Amino acid sequence: MIRVKCLGHIATSVGAEVELEGDFLQAEAVVEQVRKLAAGKDPGFNVYNTLVMVEEGEAFVPAGSKRRVMSGQKVVLIPFSHGG
């Protein structure tokens, strides 16, 4: 299980924290699965405008990374438009 903390308008769309099933997921798949939780509406974030921060501060844009996120790791999704 992968725990995902959501900030800014991502949290408004899907909730402040979600859990995803699986032993590992590509970072891009993490963002896409969280997007699907927005219940049919466009949540306003995607792999190109979201930073993924894993565990101890490694941050990247998932569209440009093949980084895997493993079960038990904590992930934070940060939209580019996140205010202060």
N, C-alpha and C. Protein backbone atom coordinates (compact mmCIF):
# COMPACT_ATOMS: atom_id res chain seq x y z
N MET A 1 0.83 -1.17 0.00
CA MET A 1 0.00 0.00 0.00
C MET A 1 0.89 1.24 0.00
N ILE A 2 0.52 2.21 -0.81
CA ILE A 2 1.27 3.45 -0.92
C ILE A 2 0.40 4.58 -0.38
N ARG A 3 0.90 5.30 0.59
CA ARG A 3 0.15 6.43 1.17
C ARG A 3 0.52 7.70 0.44
N VAL A 4 -0.51 8.44 0.04
CA VAL A 4 -0.30 9.66 -0.73
C VAL A 4 -0.95 10.83 -0.01
N LYS A 5 -0.14 11.81 0.36
CA LYS A 5 -0.65 13.05 0.95
C LYS A 5 -0.82 14.05 -0.20
N CYS A 6 -1.95 14.71 -0.23
CA CYS A 6 -2.25 15.65 -1.31
C CYS A 6 -2.30 17.07 -0.76
N LEU A 7 -1.72 18.00 -1.48
CA LEU A 7 -1.71 19.40 -1.07
C LEU A 7 -2.48 20.27 -2.07
N GLY A 8 -2.84 21.45 -1.63
CA GLY A 8 -3.46 22.43 -2.50
C GLY A 8 -4.75 21.94 -3.12
N HIS A 9 -4.96 22.29 -4.38
CA HIS A 9 -6.21 21.92 -5.04
C HIS A 9 -6.32 20.42 -5.31
N ILE A 10 -5.22 19.68 -5.21
CA ILE A 10 -5.31 18.22 -5.32
C ILE A 10 -6.10 17.69 -4.12
N ALA A 11 -5.79 18.19 -2.93
CA ALA A 11 -6.53 17.77 -1.73
C ALA A 11 -8.00 18.17 -1.81
N THR A 12 -8.27 19.32 -2.40
CA THR A 12 -9.66 19.75 -2.57
C THR A 12 -10.41 18.79 -3.48
N SER A 13 -9.74 18.26 -4.49
CA SER A 13 -10.37 17.37 -5.46
C SER A 13 -10.57 15.94 -4.95
N VAL A 14 -9.60 15.42 -4.19
CA VAL A 14 -9.66 13.99 -3.83
C VAL A 14 -9.52 13.71 -2.34
N GLY A 15 -9.21 14.70 -1.55
CA GLY A 15 -9.00 14.50 -0.12
C GLY A 15 -7.54 14.70 0.25
N ALA A 16 -7.28 14.94 1.51
CA ALA A 16 -5.94 15.26 1.98
C ALA A 16 -4.99 14.07 1.97
N GLU A 17 -5.54 12.86 2.09
CA GLU A 17 -4.69 11.67 2.10
C GLU A 17 -5.45 10.51 1.49
N VAL A 18 -4.78 9.77 0.62
CA VAL A 18 -5.37 8.59 0.01
C VAL A 18 -4.38 7.44 0.08
N GLU A 19 -4.89 6.23 -0.06
CA GLU A 19 -4.04 5.04 -0.08
C GLU A 19 -4.27 4.31 -1.39
N LEU A 20 -3.18 3.89 -2.02
CA LEU A 20 -3.24 3.17 -3.28
C LEU A 20 -2.74 1.75 -3.07
N GLU A 21 -3.42 0.80 -3.64
CA GLU A 21 -3.03 -0.61 -3.54
C GLU A 21 -1.87 -0.90 -4.49
N GLY A 22 -1.04 -1.85 -4.12
CA GLY A 22 0.03 -2.30 -4.99
C GLY A 22 1.36 -2.37 -4.28
N ASP A 23 2.22 -3.24 -4.78
CA ASP A 23 3.57 -3.37 -4.23
C ASP A 23 4.48 -2.26 -4.73
N PHE A 24 4.23 -1.82 -5.95
CA PHE A 24 4.97 -0.69 -6.50
C PHE A 24 4.17 -0.09 -7.65
N LEU A 25 4.38 1.18 -7.88
CA LEU A 25 3.75 1.88 -9.00
C LEU A 25 4.75 2.86 -9.57
N GLN A 26 4.74 3.06 -10.87
CA GLN A 26 5.51 4.14 -11.45
C GLN A 26 4.92 5.44 -10.90
N ALA A 27 5.73 6.44 -10.71
CA ALA A 27 5.25 7.72 -10.18
C ALA A 27 4.14 8.29 -11.06
N GLU A 28 4.25 8.13 -12.35
CA GLU A 28 3.22 8.59 -13.26
C GLU A 28 1.88 7.91 -12.97
N ALA A 29 1.92 6.62 -12.65
CA ALA A 29 0.70 5.87 -12.33
C ALA A 29 0.09 6.33 -11.01
N VAL A 30 0.93 6.75 -10.07
CA VAL A 30 0.42 7.28 -8.80
C VAL A 30 -0.46 8.49 -9.08
N VAL A 31 0.06 9.44 -9.87
CA VAL A 31 -0.71 10.64 -10.19
C VAL A 31 -2.00 10.27 -10.93
N GLU A 32 -1.91 9.37 -11.89
CA GLU A 32 -3.09 8.99 -12.66
C GLU A 32 -4.14 8.30 -11.79
N GLN A 33 -3.72 7.44 -10.87
CA GLN A 33 -4.69 6.78 -9.98
C GLN A 33 -5.35 7.78 -9.05
N VAL A 34 -4.60 8.74 -8.55
CA VAL A 34 -5.19 9.77 -7.69
C VAL A 34 -6.17 10.62 -8.51
N ARG A 35 -5.82 10.94 -9.75
CA ARG A 35 -6.74 11.70 -10.62
C ARG A 35 -8.09 10.98 -10.77
N LYS A 36 -8.05 9.67 -10.87
CA LYS A 36 -9.28 8.89 -11.03
C LYS A 36 -10.20 8.99 -9.83
N LEU A 37 -9.67 9.35 -8.68
CA LEU A 37 -10.47 9.48 -7.47
C LEU A 37 -11.32 10.75 -7.47
N ALA A 38 -11.13 11.61 -8.46
CA ALA A 38 -11.85 12.89 -8.52
C ALA A 38 -13.28 12.73 -9.02
N ALA A 39 -13.76 11.54 -9.14
CA ALA A 39 -15.17 11.23 -9.45
C ALA A 39 -15.69 11.89 -10.72
N GLY A 40 -15.01 11.64 -11.83
CA GLY A 40 -15.53 12.05 -13.13
C GLY A 40 -15.27 13.48 -13.56
N LYS A 41 -14.91 14.35 -12.66
CA LYS A 41 -14.62 15.72 -13.06
C LYS A 41 -13.12 15.90 -13.29
N ASP A 42 -12.75 16.92 -14.06
CA ASP A 42 -11.33 17.20 -14.29
C ASP A 42 -10.75 17.80 -13.01
N PRO A 43 -9.81 17.09 -12.38
CA PRO A 43 -9.28 17.58 -11.11
C PRO A 43 -8.28 18.74 -11.24
N GLY A 44 -7.86 19.05 -12.45
CA GLY A 44 -6.96 20.19 -12.65
C GLY A 44 -5.49 19.91 -12.40
N PHE A 45 -5.13 18.65 -12.24
CA PHE A 45 -3.70 18.30 -12.11
C PHE A 45 -3.42 17.08 -12.95
N ASN A 46 -2.16 16.94 -13.35
CA ASN A 46 -1.76 15.79 -14.16
C ASN A 46 -0.26 15.57 -13.97
N VAL A 47 0.31 14.66 -14.74
CA VAL A 47 1.73 14.32 -14.58
C VAL A 47 2.66 15.45 -15.01
N TYR A 48 2.15 16.45 -15.70
CA TYR A 48 2.99 17.56 -16.18
C TYR A 48 2.98 18.77 -15.25
N ASN A 49 1.98 18.89 -14.37
CA ASN A 49 1.92 20.08 -13.51
C ASN A 49 1.86 19.71 -12.03
N THR A 50 2.42 18.56 -11.70
CA THR A 50 2.42 18.08 -10.32
C THR A 50 3.82 17.60 -9.94
N LEU A 51 4.28 18.03 -8.78
CA LEU A 51 5.53 17.50 -8.23
C LEU A 51 5.20 16.31 -7.35
N VAL A 52 6.03 15.28 -7.44
CA VAL A 52 5.91 14.12 -6.57
C VAL A 52 7.11 14.14 -5.64
N MET A 53 6.85 14.12 -4.34
CA MET A 53 7.94 14.06 -3.37
C MET A 53 7.84 12.72 -2.65
N VAL A 54 8.93 11.97 -2.66
CA VAL A 54 8.96 10.64 -2.07
C VAL A 54 9.82 10.66 -0.82
N GLU A 55 9.26 10.08 0.24
CA GLU A 55 9.96 9.85 1.51
C GLU A 55 10.81 11.02 1.99
N GLU A 56 12.07 10.98 1.75
CA GLU A 56 12.98 11.93 2.40
C GLU A 56 13.34 13.12 1.51
N GLY A 57 12.40 13.59 0.71
CA GLY A 57 12.61 14.83 0.01
C GLY A 57 12.99 14.75 -1.45
N GLU A 58 13.08 13.56 -2.03
CA GLU A 58 13.33 13.47 -3.47
C GLU A 58 12.08 13.96 -4.19
N ALA A 59 12.21 15.01 -4.99
CA ALA A 59 11.04 15.59 -5.68
C ALA A 59 11.30 15.63 -7.18
N PHE A 60 10.25 15.36 -7.96
CA PHE A 60 10.40 15.33 -9.41
C PHE A 60 9.03 15.44 -10.06
N VAL A 61 9.04 15.74 -11.35
CA VAL A 61 7.82 15.74 -12.15
C VAL A 61 7.69 14.34 -12.74
N PRO A 62 6.59 13.64 -12.48
CA PRO A 62 6.49 12.25 -12.91
C PRO A 62 6.52 12.04 -14.42
N ALA A 63 6.12 13.04 -15.20
CA ALA A 63 6.14 12.88 -16.66
C ALA A 63 7.56 12.71 -17.17
N GLY A 64 8.55 13.19 -16.43
CA GLY A 64 9.94 13.08 -16.86
C GLY A 64 10.74 12.05 -16.10
N SER A 65 10.06 11.16 -15.38
CA SER A 65 10.77 10.22 -14.54
C SER A 65 10.14 8.83 -14.64
N LYS A 66 10.97 7.84 -14.54
CA LYS A 66 10.47 6.46 -14.50
C LYS A 66 10.60 5.91 -13.08
N ARG A 67 10.65 6.80 -12.11
CA ARG A 67 10.82 6.43 -10.70
C ARG A 67 9.68 5.55 -10.22
N ARG A 68 10.00 4.48 -9.55
CA ARG A 68 9.01 3.59 -8.95
C ARG A 68 8.80 4.00 -7.50
N VAL A 69 7.57 3.92 -7.07
CA VAL A 69 7.22 4.14 -5.68
C VAL A 69 6.84 2.78 -5.12
N MET A 70 7.45 2.41 -4.01
CA MET A 70 7.26 1.08 -3.44
C MET A 70 6.24 1.09 -2.31
N SER A 71 5.60 -0.04 -2.10
CA SER A 71 4.67 -0.19 -0.99
C SER A 71 5.35 0.19 0.32
N GLY A 72 4.64 0.93 1.15
CA GLY A 72 5.19 1.39 2.42
C GLY A 72 5.80 2.77 2.35
N GLN A 73 6.09 3.25 1.15
CA GLN A 73 6.64 4.59 1.03
C GLN A 73 5.54 5.62 1.11
N LYS A 74 5.91 6.79 1.62
CA LYS A 74 4.98 7.91 1.69
C LYS A 74 5.30 8.87 0.56
N VAL A 75 4.25 9.36 -0.07
CA VAL A 75 4.38 10.24 -1.23
C VAL A 75 3.55 11.49 -0.97
N VAL A 76 4.06 12.64 -1.42
CA VAL A 76 3.30 13.88 -1.35
C VAL A 76 3.14 14.39 -2.77
N LEU A 77 1.90 14.74 -3.14
CA LEU A 77 1.64 15.36 -4.44
C LEU A 77 1.45 16.86 -4.23
N ILE A 78 2.23 17.64 -4.96
CA ILE A 78 2.22 19.09 -4.82
C ILE A 78 1.93 19.71 -6.17
N PRO A 79 0.80 20.42 -6.32
CA PRO A 79 0.53 21.07 -7.59
C PRO A 79 1.46 22.27 -7.79
N PHE A 80 1.83 22.54 -9.03
CA PHE A 80 2.67 23.70 -9.31
C PHE A 80 2.04 24.98 -8.80
N SER A 81 0.71 25.05 -8.84
CA SER A 81 0.01 26.26 -8.44
C SER A 81 -0.23 26.35 -6.94
N HIS A 82 0.45 25.52 -6.17
CA HIS A 82 0.28 25.50 -4.71
C HIS A 82 0.71 26.83 -4.13
N GLY A 83 -0.14 27.44 -3.37
CA GLY A 83 0.20 28.71 -2.73
C GLY A 83 0.91 28.51 -1.42
N GLY A 84 1.94 29.31 -1.17
CA GLY A 84 2.72 29.36 0.06
C GLY A 84 2.53 28.26 0.96
